[in-house]
Amino acid sequence: MRGTFIALALIFSCATAHAQNWDSRYPVCQMLYSPVTLSDCRYETMEQCRAATSGLYAQCMENPYFARTQDYRRRPRRQHHHY
């Protein structure tokens, strides 16, 4: 019984250590509620997040760690020099 308790404690502690995924590159996060609350910040718009969240026990929210100073949608284009 004690071994089972320790094994479950290790599993849940590992899950909570990995659960917080606040990626500062994306402005919208999905909070998925289960025995362990998970955050998934990989959405550029609230509409994208809502589509992925549909039917789940989850919600979409603004990423509190989003780096607003960077333009996350524009990536510098490579300039090809032809000599």
Protein backbone atom coordinates (compact mmCIF):
# COMPACT_ATOMS: atom_id res chain seq x y z
CA MET A 1 0.00 0.00 0.00
CA ARG A 2 2.78 2.41 0.91
CA GLY A 3 4.60 1.64 -2.34
CA THR A 4 1.46 2.38 -4.33
CA PHE A 5 1.06 5.71 -2.58
CA ILE A 6 4.68 6.66 -3.30
CA ALA A 7 4.32 5.63 -6.96
CA LEU A 8 1.18 7.75 -7.36
CA ALA A 9 2.84 10.69 -5.63
CA LEU A 10 5.76 10.49 -8.05
CA ILE A 11 3.48 10.31 -11.07
CA PHE A 12 1.46 13.35 -10.01
CA SER A 13 4.52 15.36 -9.02
CA CYS A 14 6.06 14.77 -12.43
CA ALA A 15 2.82 15.77 -14.13
CA THR A 16 2.59 19.03 -12.21
CA ALA A 17 6.23 19.87 -12.86
CA HIS A 18 5.62 19.57 -16.60
CA ALA A 19 2.13 21.06 -16.51
CA GLN A 20 3.00 24.74 -16.68
CA ASN A 21 3.88 25.51 -20.28
CA TRP A 22 3.76 29.28 -20.60
CA ASP A 23 5.34 29.91 -24.00
CA SER A 24 6.00 33.65 -24.26
CA ARG A 25 5.92 33.49 -28.08
CA TYR A 26 2.14 33.06 -28.30
CA PRO A 27 -0.55 35.44 -27.00
CA VAL A 28 -3.29 32.88 -26.19
CA CYS A 29 -3.24 29.90 -23.83
CA GLN A 30 -5.59 26.99 -23.29
CA MET A 31 -6.18 25.91 -19.70
CA LEU A 32 -7.26 22.27 -19.63
CA TYR A 33 -8.86 21.19 -16.37
CA SER A 34 -8.40 17.57 -15.35
CA PRO A 35 -6.99 16.03 -12.17
CA VAL A 36 -3.99 18.23 -13.03
CA THR A 37 -4.54 21.63 -14.66
CA LEU A 38 -2.49 21.99 -17.83
CA SER A 39 -1.64 25.15 -19.73
CA ASP A 40 -0.92 25.05 -23.43
CA CYS A 41 0.25 28.33 -24.97
CA ARG A 42 0.53 27.75 -28.70
CA TYR A 43 -2.33 29.76 -30.15
CA GLU A 44 -2.06 33.00 -32.09
CA THR A 45 -5.76 33.91 -31.82
CA MET A 46 -8.56 33.34 -29.37
CA GLU A 47 -10.57 31.75 -32.20
CA GLN A 48 -7.88 29.09 -32.77
CA CYS A 49 -7.88 28.26 -29.08
CA ARG A 50 -11.67 28.12 -28.86
CA ALA A 51 -11.83 25.73 -31.81
CA ALA A 52 -9.29 23.42 -30.13
CA THR A 53 -11.08 23.72 -26.78
CA SER A 54 -14.54 22.89 -28.11
CA GLY A 55 -16.03 19.99 -26.16
CA LEU A 56 -13.28 19.91 -23.52
CA TYR A 57 -13.37 20.99 -19.90
CA ALA A 58 -11.08 23.90 -20.71
CA GLN A 59 -10.95 27.63 -21.34
CA CYS A 60 -8.89 30.07 -23.37
CA MET A 61 -7.13 33.04 -21.85
CA GLU A 62 -4.57 35.68 -22.71
CA ASN A 63 -1.03 34.56 -22.01
CA PRO A 64 0.22 36.60 -19.03
CA TYR A 65 3.82 35.99 -20.13
CA PHE A 66 3.39 36.95 -23.78
CA ALA A 67 6.25 39.18 -24.93
CA ARG A 68 4.20 41.98 -26.46
CA THR A 69 7.22 43.89 -27.71
CA GLN A 70 8.06 41.31 -30.34
CA ASP A 71 5.99 40.85 -33.47
CA TYR A 72 5.40 37.11 -33.21
CA ARG A 73 3.70 36.82 -36.60
CA ARG A 74 6.33 38.52 -38.70
CA ARG A 75 9.49 36.63 -39.25
CA PRO A 76 12.36 38.27 -41.03
CA ARG A 77 12.61 37.20 -44.62
CA ARG A 78 15.87 35.87 -45.85
CA GLN A 79 17.45 38.08 -48.38
CA HIS A 80 19.12 36.28 -51.20
CA HIS A 81 21.93 38.18 -52.80
CA HIS A 82 22.66 37.28 -56.37
CA TYR A 83 26.08 38.42 -57.49
